[in-house]
Amino acid sequence: MEKEKIITELKNTLEKKTDDLPVPTWKKVLSILFLVLAIVYDVSPFDGDAIPVVGWIDDISITMLAFLNFLEQFFQVKNETLNRFLGVIKKGLVVILLIFAIAFGLILYGCLKK
């Protein structure tokens, strides 16, 4: 009897929709901070945009990532498909940033090694 009750409670917890749960305040504050820091990074003269295309891509990617996180935290999207799409976009941006960081590091390493 006890096991059945625990299993039922676990099932109910797992089936609870995420849009029914409120977003904690600390997540909202963190998303605002992340967006503000991304914008400051964009306008900062110490950004390191010496290589135009690479510098612009990282600026755009970081700002888009912060903006998508902001949207996700403040406007809980009720549409599950749109939630998945936002998640895929965010993960894609992270992958693009990693690829460019690795490529830039390899190019820089190659230039310094000569």
Protein backbone atom coordinates (compact mmCIF):
# COMPACT_ATOMS: atom_id res chain seq x y z
CA MET A 1 0.00 0.00 0.00
CA GLU A 2 2.82 2.39 0.92
CA LYS A 3 4.67 1.67 -2.34
CA GLU A 4 1.59 2.37 -4.42
CA LYS A 5 1.10 5.71 -2.70
CA ILE A 6 4.72 6.72 -3.31
CA ILE A 7 4.53 5.64 -6.96
CA THR A 8 1.30 7.59 -7.45
CA GLU A 9 2.82 10.72 -5.90
CA LEU A 10 5.92 10.39 -8.10
CA LYS A 11 3.75 9.97 -11.19
CA ASN A 12 1.74 13.05 -10.32
CA THR A 13 4.91 15.05 -9.72
CA LEU A 14 6.47 13.99 -13.02
CA GLU A 15 3.29 14.68 -14.97
CA LYS A 16 2.89 18.18 -13.50
CA LYS A 17 3.27 20.72 -16.27
CA THR A 18 6.21 23.09 -16.03
CA ASP A 19 4.08 26.11 -16.97
CA ASP A 20 2.03 25.56 -13.79
CA LEU A 21 5.12 26.21 -11.68
CA PRO A 22 6.18 29.83 -11.08
CA VAL A 23 9.69 30.89 -12.04
CA PRO A 24 11.74 31.65 -8.90
CA THR A 25 12.67 35.30 -8.39
CA TRP A 26 16.40 34.55 -8.34
CA LYS A 27 16.17 33.11 -11.86
CA LYS A 28 14.46 36.27 -13.10
CA VAL A 29 17.07 38.51 -11.43
CA LEU A 30 19.87 36.38 -12.85
CA SER A 31 18.42 36.57 -16.37
CA ILE A 32 18.19 40.38 -16.14
CA LEU A 33 21.78 40.54 -14.88
CA PHE A 34 22.93 38.26 -17.70
CA LEU A 35 21.17 40.46 -20.29
CA VAL A 36 22.63 43.67 -18.85
CA LEU A 37 26.13 42.18 -18.75
CA ALA A 38 25.76 41.00 -22.36
CA ILE A 39 24.79 44.51 -23.48
CA VAL A 40 27.69 46.02 -21.50
CA TYR A 41 29.98 43.48 -23.18
CA ASP A 42 28.66 44.56 -26.59
CA VAL A 43 29.40 48.25 -26.06
CA SER A 44 32.63 47.73 -24.14
CA PRO A 45 35.72 49.11 -25.88
CA PHE A 46 37.78 46.30 -24.32
CA ASP A 47 35.82 43.61 -26.16
CA GLY A 48 38.67 42.55 -28.39
CA ASP A 49 36.99 42.96 -31.76
CA ALA A 50 40.39 43.08 -33.47
CA ILE A 51 39.20 40.39 -35.87
CA PRO A 52 35.93 41.87 -37.16
CA VAL A 53 33.89 38.77 -38.04
CA VAL A 54 34.87 36.73 -34.97
CA GLY A 55 34.24 39.69 -32.66
CA TRP A 56 30.82 40.37 -34.12
CA ILE A 57 29.77 36.73 -33.99
CA ASP A 58 30.60 36.38 -30.31
CA ASP A 59 28.82 39.67 -29.50
CA ILE A 60 25.68 38.63 -31.34
CA SER A 61 25.72 35.10 -29.93
CA ILE A 62 26.16 36.17 -26.32
CA THR A 63 23.47 38.85 -26.58
CA MET A 64 21.03 36.46 -28.27
CA LEU A 65 21.70 33.81 -25.63
CA ALA A 66 21.02 36.34 -22.86
CA PHE A 67 17.88 37.59 -24.61
CA LEU A 68 16.49 34.08 -25.15
CA ASN A 69 17.17 33.28 -21.49
CA PHE A 70 15.36 36.49 -20.50
CA LEU A 71 12.34 35.55 -22.63
CA GLU A 72 12.29 32.07 -21.19
CA GLN A 73 12.35 33.27 -17.58
CA PHE A 74 9.91 36.18 -17.82
CA PHE A 75 7.37 34.99 -20.33
CA GLN A 76 6.73 31.38 -19.54
CA VAL A 77 5.79 30.15 -22.98
CA LYS A 78 2.73 27.92 -22.78
CA ASN A 79 3.46 26.32 -26.14
CA GLU A 80 5.62 23.22 -25.63
CA THR A 81 6.89 23.28 -29.24
CA LEU A 82 8.06 26.87 -28.85
CA ASN A 83 9.77 25.97 -25.57
CA ARG A 84 11.67 23.17 -27.28
CA PHE A 85 12.57 25.48 -30.17
CA LEU A 86 13.98 28.10 -27.75
CA GLY A 87 15.98 25.38 -26.03
CA VAL A 88 17.42 24.15 -29.32
CA ILE A 89 18.35 27.68 -30.35
CA LYS A 90 20.09 28.31 -27.02
CA LYS A 91 22.04 25.07 -27.25
CA GLY A 92 22.95 25.82 -30.86
CA LEU A 93 24.31 29.22 -29.89
CA VAL A 94 26.43 27.66 -27.17
CA VAL A 95 27.83 25.14 -29.69
CA ILE A 96 28.58 27.93 -32.18
CA LEU A 97 30.37 29.92 -29.46
CA LEU A 98 32.45 26.89 -28.50
CA ILE A 99 33.38 26.14 -32.11
CA PHE A 100 34.47 29.72 -32.71
CA ALA A 101 36.41 29.84 -29.43
CA ILE A 102 38.26 26.62 -30.29
CA ALA A 103 38.92 27.74 -33.87
CA PHE A 104 40.16 31.13 -32.70
CA GLY A 105 42.38 29.48 -30.10
CA LEU A 106 43.88 27.14 -32.71
CA ILE A 107 44.50 30.00 -35.13
CA LEU A 108 46.09 32.09 -32.40
CA TYR A 109 48.21 29.13 -31.28
CA GLY A 110 49.34 28.57 -34.87
CA CYS A 111 50.28 32.23 -35.28
CA LEU A 112 52.19 32.39 -32.00
CA LYS A 113 54.01 29.12 -32.66
CA LYS A 114 55.65 30.44 -35.86
